[in-house]
Amino acid sequence: MNYIKDSSSLQTVLADIGNNLYIIRHSRKEKLTAVSVSIGISHPVLSQIENGKYEGLSIKLIVKLAQYYNVPAERILLGNIDTNI
């Protein structure tokens, strides 16, 4: 199993997750504010997540986002995103 060994690895993982979320949101033409209100977080937090800057990202929040976008959490975590979803 791969574990995150240092803070630069963590930043890479957070950046990848954020990019995946950004791609999903933009492919659906959704506004940052609309998504954040719907899942119960502030739009600056969602912006930080999408920019890979939010170190407080939890599995619970990833699951909320996956449910909102109606995608498997694995797509958020691992990528391989079909932009036609």
Foldseek 3Di string as FASTA:
>chain_A
DDDQDDVVSLLVQLQQLLCLLVLQCVLVPHDLCVLCVVLPHHSVQNVCSNRSNDPPDDPVSLVSSCVVSVHPSCCSRPNPDDSND
